[in-house]
């Protein structure tokens, strides 16, 4: 797990360490600037666990309609 440091774009104060996110929005407590950041990698979000309908790895897929 890689932690990414999030800093305020205005005053450079450290706001958070995050490991997995698609979009994050943090208001800086020092300068009150609203910081918004999207994930830079196109890593897919969590895989569907087995047992959910239409999971390609599960033999119990729901029938197509």
PDB file of N, CA and C in Angstrom:
ATOM      1  N   UNK A   1       0.840  -1.172   0.000  1.00  0.00           N
ATOM      2  CA  UNK A   1       0.000   0.000   0.000  1.00  0.00           C
ATOM      3  C   UNK A   1       0.891   1.243   0.000  1.00  0.00           C
ATOM      4  N   UNK A   2       0.662   2.096  -0.943  1.00  0.00           N
ATOM      5  CA  UNK A   2       1.448   3.318  -1.080  1.00  0.00           C
ATOM      6  C   UNK A   2       0.612   4.488  -0.568  1.00  0.00           C
ATOM      7  N   UNK A   3       1.177   5.242   0.363  1.00  0.00           N
ATOM      8  CA  UNK A   3       0.494   6.423   0.884  1.00  0.00           C
ATOM      9  C   UNK A   3       0.909   7.648   0.081  1.00  0.00           C
ATOM     10  N   UNK A   4      -0.054   8.455  -0.274  1.00  0.00           N
ATOM     11  CA  UNK A   4       0.182   9.683  -1.015  1.00  0.00           C
ATOM     12  C   UNK A   4      -0.097  10.845  -0.083  1.00  0.00           C
ATOM     13  N   UNK A   5       0.821  11.777  -0.020  1.00  0.00           N
ATOM     14  CA  UNK A   5       0.675  12.944   0.842  1.00  0.00           C
ATOM     15  C   UNK A   5      -0.117  14.018   0.107  1.00  0.00           C
ATOM     16  N   UNK A   6      -1.171  14.505   0.732  1.00  0.00           N
ATOM     17  CA  UNK A   6      -1.987  15.578   0.165  1.00  0.00           C
ATOM     18  C   UNK A   6      -1.654  16.862   0.912  1.00  0.00           C
ATOM     19  N   UNK A   7      -1.258  17.902   0.163  1.00  0.00           N
ATOM     20  CA  UNK A   7      -0.925  19.207   0.748  1.00  0.00           C
ATOM     21  C   UNK A   7      -1.821  20.274   0.141  1.00  0.00           C
ATOM     22  N   UNK A   8      -2.034  21.332   0.901  1.00  0.00           N
ATOM     23  CA  UNK A   8      -2.819  22.465   0.423  1.00  0.00           C
ATOM     24  C   UNK A   8      -2.072  23.115  -0.747  1.00  0.00           C
ATOM     25  N   UNK A   9      -2.797  23.414  -1.798  1.00  0.00           N
ATOM     26  CA  UNK A   9      -2.160  24.022  -2.975  1.00  0.00           C
ATOM     27  C   UNK A   9      -1.836  25.489  -2.754  1.00  0.00           C
ATOM     28  N   UNK A  10      -2.442  26.112  -1.736  1.00  0.00           N
ATOM     29  CA  UNK A  10      -2.189  27.524  -1.473  1.00  0.00           C
ATOM     30  C   UNK A  10      -1.067  27.722  -0.438  1.00  0.00           C
ATOM     31  N   UNK A  11      -1.169  27.086   0.736  1.00  0.00           N
ATOM     32  CA  UNK A  11      -0.188  27.341   1.806  1.00  0.00           C
ATOM     33  C   UNK A  11       0.766  26.174   2.048  1.00  0.00           C
ATOM     34  N   UNK A  12       0.573  25.056   1.348  1.00  0.00           N
ATOM     35  CA  UNK A  12       1.445  23.872   1.409  1.00  0.00           C
ATOM     36  C   UNK A  12       1.375  23.096   2.733  1.00  0.00           C
ATOM     37  N   UNK A  13       0.366  23.356   3.551  1.00  0.00           N
ATOM     38  CA  UNK A  13       0.213  22.593   4.783  1.00  0.00           C
ATOM     39  C   UNK A  13      -0.192  21.161   4.454  1.00  0.00           C
ATOM     40  N   UNK A  14       0.373  20.199   5.177  1.00  0.00           N
ATOM     41  CA  UNK A  14       0.020  18.798   4.981  1.00  0.00           C
ATOM     42  C   UNK A  14      -1.394  18.569   5.501  1.00  0.00           C
ATOM     43  N   UNK A  15      -2.247  18.007   4.641  1.00  0.00           N
ATOM     44  CA  UNK A  15      -3.643  17.813   5.000  1.00  0.00           C
ATOM     45  C   UNK A  15      -3.987  16.360   5.292  1.00  0.00           C
ATOM     46  N   UNK A  16      -3.358  15.436   4.576  1.00  0.00           N
ATOM     47  CA  UNK A  16      -3.726  14.031   4.756  1.00  0.00           C
ATOM     48  C   UNK A  16      -2.724  13.108   4.084  1.00  0.00           C
ATOM     49  N   UNK A  17      -2.735  11.868   4.507  1.00  0.00           N
ATOM     50  CA  UNK A  17      -2.080  10.767   3.818  1.00  0.00           C
ATOM     51  C   UNK A  17      -3.191   9.834   3.365  1.00  0.00           C
ATOM     52  N   UNK A  18      -3.256   9.549   2.080  1.00  0.00           N
ATOM     53  CA  UNK A  18      -4.310   8.684   1.558  1.00  0.00           C
ATOM     54  C   UNK A  18      -3.686   7.542   0.779  1.00  0.00           C
ATOM     55  N   UNK A  19      -4.389   6.419   0.743  1.00  0.00           N
ATOM     56  CA  UNK A  19      -3.851   5.270   0.035  1.00  0.00           C
ATOM     57  C   UNK A  19      -4.650   4.935  -1.215  1.00  0.00           C
ATOM     58  N   UNK A  20      -5.958   5.119  -1.180  1.00  0.00           N
ATOM     59  CA  UNK A  20      -6.771   4.744  -2.327  1.00  0.00           C
ATOM     60  C   UNK A  20      -7.948   5.707  -2.413  1.00  0.00           C
ATOM     61  N   UNK A  21      -8.034   6.442  -3.497  1.00  0.00           N
ATOM     62  CA  UNK A  21      -9.135   7.380  -3.673  1.00  0.00           C
ATOM     63  C   UNK A  21      -9.338   7.639  -5.150  1.00  0.00           C
ATOM     64  N   UNK A  22     -10.536   8.060  -5.494  1.00  0.00           N
ATOM     65  CA  UNK A  22     -10.808   8.489  -6.861  1.00  0.00           C
ATOM     66  C   UNK A  22     -10.913  10.004  -6.911  1.00  0.00           C
ATOM     67  N   UNK A  23     -11.516  10.573  -5.880  1.00  0.00           N
ATOM     68  CA  UNK A  23     -11.656  12.028  -5.792  1.00  0.00           C
ATOM     69  C   UNK A  23     -11.641  12.390  -4.316  1.00  0.00           C
ATOM     70  N   UNK A  24     -10.893  13.428  -3.974  1.00  0.00           N
ATOM     71  CA  UNK A  24     -10.820  13.859  -2.582  1.00  0.00           C
ATOM     72  C   UNK A  24     -10.967  15.371  -2.533  1.00  0.00           C
ATOM     73  N   UNK A  25     -11.697  15.837  -1.521  1.00  0.00           N
ATOM     74  CA  UNK A  25     -11.933  17.266  -1.339  1.00  0.00           C
ATOM     75  C   UNK A  25     -11.686  17.576   0.141  1.00  0.00           C
ATOM     76  N   UNK A  26     -10.718  18.442   0.427  1.00  0.00           N
ATOM     77  CA  UNK A  26     -10.343  18.772   1.800  1.00  0.00           C
ATOM     78  C   UNK A  26     -10.222  20.286   1.927  1.00  0.00           C
ATOM     79  N   UNK A  27     -10.825  20.828   2.985  1.00  0.00           N
ATOM     80  CA  UNK A  27     -10.694  22.258   3.268  1.00  0.00           C
ATOM     81  C   UNK A  27      -9.533  22.439   4.236  1.00  0.00           C
ATOM     82  N   UNK A  28      -8.606  23.296   3.869  1.00  0.00           N
ATOM     83  CA  UNK A  28      -7.425  23.538   4.698  1.00  0.00           C
ATOM     84  C   UNK A  28      -7.831  24.304   5.962  1.00  0.00           C
ATOM     85  N   UNK A  29      -7.455  23.798   7.142  1.00  0.00           N
ATOM     86  CA  UNK A  29      -7.813  24.506   8.369  1.00  0.00           C
ATOM     87  C   UNK A  29      -7.017  25.799   8.570  1.00  0.00           C
ATOM     88  N   UNK A  30      -5.881  25.934   7.905  1.00  0.00           N
ATOM     89  CA  UNK A  30      -5.050  27.126   8.071  1.00  0.00           C
ATOM     90  C   UNK A  30      -5.542  28.289   7.202  1.00  0.00           C
ATOM     91  N   UNK A  31      -5.662  28.063   5.901  1.00  0.00           N
ATOM     92  CA  UNK A  31      -6.003  29.173   4.991  1.00  0.00           C
ATOM     93  C   UNK A  31      -7.428  29.093   4.443  1.00  0.00           C
ATOM     94  N   UNK A  32      -8.159  28.043   4.774  1.00  0.00           N
ATOM     95  CA  UNK A  32      -9.565  27.849   4.369  1.00  0.00           C
ATOM     96  C   UNK A  32      -9.749  27.615   2.868  1.00  0.00           C
ATOM     97  N   UNK A  33      -8.680  27.260   2.181  1.00  0.00           N
ATOM     98  CA  UNK A  33      -8.768  26.968   0.745  1.00  0.00           C
ATOM     99  C   UNK A  33      -9.359  25.574   0.562  1.00  0.00           C
ATOM    100  N   UNK A  34     -10.293  25.425  -0.380  1.00  0.00           N
ATOM    101  CA  UNK A  34     -10.890  24.130  -0.673  1.00  0.00           C
ATOM    102  C   UNK A  34     -10.025  23.422  -1.718  1.00  0.00           C
ATOM    103  N   UNK A  35      -9.387  22.327  -1.312  1.00  0.00           N
ATOM    104  CA  UNK A  35      -8.494  21.566  -2.183  1.00  0.00           C
ATOM    105  C   UNK A  35      -9.249  20.386  -2.763  1.00  0.00           C
ATOM    106  N   UNK A  36      -9.160  20.221  -4.075  1.00  0.00           N
ATOM    107  CA  UNK A  36      -9.809  19.110  -4.762  1.00  0.00           C
ATOM    108  C   UNK A  36      -8.761  18.387  -5.586  1.00  0.00           C
ATOM    109  N   UNK A  37      -8.778  17.062  -5.514  1.00  0.00           N
ATOM    110  CA  UNK A  37      -7.791  16.298  -6.256  1.00  0.00           C
ATOM    111  C   UNK A  37      -8.400  14.983  -6.726  1.00  0.00           C
ATOM    112  N   UNK A  38      -8.114  14.648  -7.971  1.00  0.00           N
ATOM    113  CA  UNK A  38      -8.547  13.363  -8.544  1.00  0.00           C
ATOM    114  C   UNK A  38      -7.363  12.409  -8.555  1.00  0.00           C
ATOM    115  N   UNK A  39      -7.662  11.125  -8.556  1.00  0.00           N
ATOM    116  CA  UNK A  39      -6.607  10.117  -8.627  1.00  0.00           C
ATOM    117  C   UNK A  39      -5.874  10.258  -9.953  1.00  0.00           C
ATOM    118  N   UNK A  40      -4.568  10.082  -9.929  1.00  0.00           N
ATOM    119  CA  UNK A  40      -3.786  10.214 -11.149  1.00  0.00           C
ATOM    120  C   UNK A  40      -3.688   8.902 -11.903  1.00  0.00           C
ATOM    121  N   UNK A  41      -3.864   7.784 -11.233  1.00  0.00           N
ATOM    122  CA  UNK A  41      -3.780   6.497 -11.926  1.00  0.00           C
ATOM    123  C   UNK A  41      -5.175   6.063 -12.352  1.00  0.00           C
ATOM    124  N   UNK A  42      -5.235   5.254 -13.376  1.00  0.00           N
ATOM    125  CA  UNK A  42      -6.520   4.745 -13.845  1.00  0.00           C
ATOM    126  C   UNK A  42      -6.767   3.348 -13.290  1.00  0.00           C
ATOM    127  N   UNK A  43      -6.281   3.113 -12.074  1.00  0.00           N
ATOM    128  CA  UNK A  43      -6.454   1.816 -11.428  1.00  0.00           C
ATOM    129  C   UNK A  43      -7.940   1.581 -11.187  1.00  0.00           C
ATOM    130  N   UNK A  44      -8.467   0.427 -11.581  1.00  0.00           N
ATOM    131  CA  UNK A  44      -9.890   0.178 -11.365  1.00  0.00           C
ATOM    132  C   UNK A  44     -10.216   0.100  -9.880  1.00  0.00           C
ATOM    133  N   UNK A  45     -11.433   0.472  -9.554  1.00  0.00           N
ATOM    134  CA  UNK A  45     -11.847   0.393  -8.163  1.00  0.00           C
ATOM    135  C   UNK A  45     -11.968  -1.067  -7.743  1.00  0.00           C
ATOM    136  N   UNK A  46     -12.374  -1.294  -6.516  1.00  0.00           N
ATOM    137  CA  UNK A  46     -12.417  -2.646  -5.965  1.00  0.00           C
ATOM    138  C   UNK A  46     -13.165  -3.607  -6.879  1.00  0.00           C
ATOM    139  N   UNK A  47     -12.650  -4.834  -6.964  1.00  0.00           N
ATOM    140  CA  UNK A  47     -13.321  -5.846  -7.759  1.00  0.00           C
ATOM    141  C   UNK A  47     -14.560  -6.318  -7.022  1.00  0.00           C
ATOM    142  N   UNK A  48     -15.537  -6.777  -7.789  1.00  0.00           N
ATOM    143  CA  UNK A  48     -16.744  -7.305  -7.170  1.00  0.00           C
ATOM    144  C   UNK A  48     -16.428  -8.640  -6.513  1.00  0.00           C
ATOM    145  N   UNK A  49     -16.841  -8.846  -5.272  1.00  0.00           N
ATOM    146  CA  UNK A  49     -16.584 -10.133  -4.629  1.00  0.00           C
ATOM    147  C   UNK A  49     -17.399 -11.239  -5.273  1.00  0.00           C
ATOM    148  N   UNK A  50     -16.912 -12.448  -5.152  1.00  0.00           N
ATOM    149  CA  UNK A  50     -17.650 -13.590  -5.685  1.00  0.00           C
ATOM    150  C   UNK A  50     -19.004 -13.683  -5.022  1.00  0.00           C
ATOM    151  N   UNK A  51     -19.992 -14.148  -5.765  1.00  0.00           N
ATOM    152  CA  UNK A  51     -21.334 -14.277  -5.241  1.00  0.00           C
ATOM    153  C   UNK A  51     -22.250 -13.151  -5.692  1.00  0.00           C
ATOM    154  N   UNK A  52     -21.692 -12.069  -6.232  1.00  0.00           N
ATOM    155  CA  UNK A  52     -22.519 -10.989  -6.745  1.00  0.00           C
ATOM    156  C   UNK A  52     -22.962 -11.349  -8.161  1.00  0.00           C
ATOM    157  N   UNK A  53     -24.169 -10.967  -8.543  1.00  0.00           N
ATOM    158  CA  UNK A  53     -24.651 -11.291  -9.894  1.00  0.00           C
ATOM    159  C   UNK A  53     -23.733 -10.705 -10.966  1.00  0.00           C
ATOM    160  N   UNK A  54     -23.517 -11.451 -12.007  1.00  0.00           N
ATOM    161  CA  UNK A  54     -22.743 -11.055 -13.188  1.00  0.00           C
ATOM    162  C   UNK A  54     -21.248 -10.900 -12.925  1.00  0.00           C
ATOM    163  N   UNK A  55     -20.727 -11.453 -11.851  1.00  0.00           N
ATOM    164  CA  UNK A  55     -19.290 -11.462 -11.627  1.00  0.00           C
ATOM    165  C   UNK A  55     -18.702 -12.492 -12.591  1.00  0.00           C
ATOM    166  N   UNK A  56     -17.769 -12.102 -13.480  1.00  0.00           N
ATOM    167  CA  UNK A  56     -17.254 -13.026 -14.489  1.00  0.00           C
ATOM    168  C   UNK A  56     -16.500 -14.207 -13.904  1.00  0.00           C
ATOM    169  N   UNK A  57     -16.044 -14.117 -12.664  1.00  0.00           N
ATOM    170  CA  UNK A  57     -15.310 -15.227 -12.056  1.00  0.00           C
ATOM    171  C   UNK A  57     -16.221 -16.192 -11.312  1.00  0.00           C
ATOM    172  N   UNK A  58     -17.478 -15.888 -11.237  1.00  0.00           N
ATOM    173  CA  UNK A  58     -18.429 -16.705 -10.488  1.00  0.00           C
ATOM    174  C   UNK A  58     -19.262 -17.527 -11.467  1.00  0.00           C
ATOM    175  N   UNK A  59     -19.463 -18.775 -11.178  1.00  0.00           N
ATOM    176  CA  UNK A  59     -20.236 -19.646 -12.056  1.00  0.00           C
ATOM    177  C   UNK A  59     -21.728 -19.457 -11.908  1.00  0.00           C
ATOM    178  N   UNK A  60     -22.155 -18.572 -11.021  1.00  0.00           N
ATOM    179  CA  UNK A  60     -23.579 -18.398 -10.753  1.00  0.00           C
ATOM    180  C   UNK A  60     -24.099 -17.072 -11.281  1.00  0.00           C
ATOM    181  N   UNK A  61     -23.719 -16.684 -12.465  1.00  0.00           N
ATOM    182  CA  UNK A  61     -24.155 -15.406 -13.017  1.00  0.00           C
ATOM    183  C   UNK A  61     -25.675 -15.395 -13.218  1.00  0.00           C
ATOM    184  N   UNK A  62     -26.228 -14.216 -13.078  1.00  0.00           N
ATOM    185  CA  UNK A  62     -27.646 -14.037 -13.355  1.00  0.00           C
ATOM    186  C   UNK A  62     -27.841 -14.132 -14.864  1.00  0.00           C
ATOM    187  N   UNK A  63     -28.955 -14.702 -15.300  1.00  0.00           N
ATOM    188  CA  UNK A  63     -29.187 -14.809 -16.744  1.00  0.00           C
ATOM    189  C   UNK A  63     -29.339 -13.438 -17.375  1.00  0.00           C
ATOM    190  N   UNK A  64     -28.871 -13.310 -18.624  1.00  0.00           N
ATOM    191  CA  UNK A  64     -28.999 -12.048 -19.360  1.00  0.00           C
ATOM    192  C   UNK A  64     -30.442 -11.826 -19.723  1.00  0.00           C
ATOM    193  N   UNK A  65     -30.862 -10.591 -19.681  1.00  0.00           N
ATOM    194  CA  UNK A  65     -32.263 -10.288 -20.011  1.00  0.00           C
ATOM    195  C   UNK A  65     -32.352  -9.543 -21.292  1.00  0.00           C
TER     196      UNK A  65
END
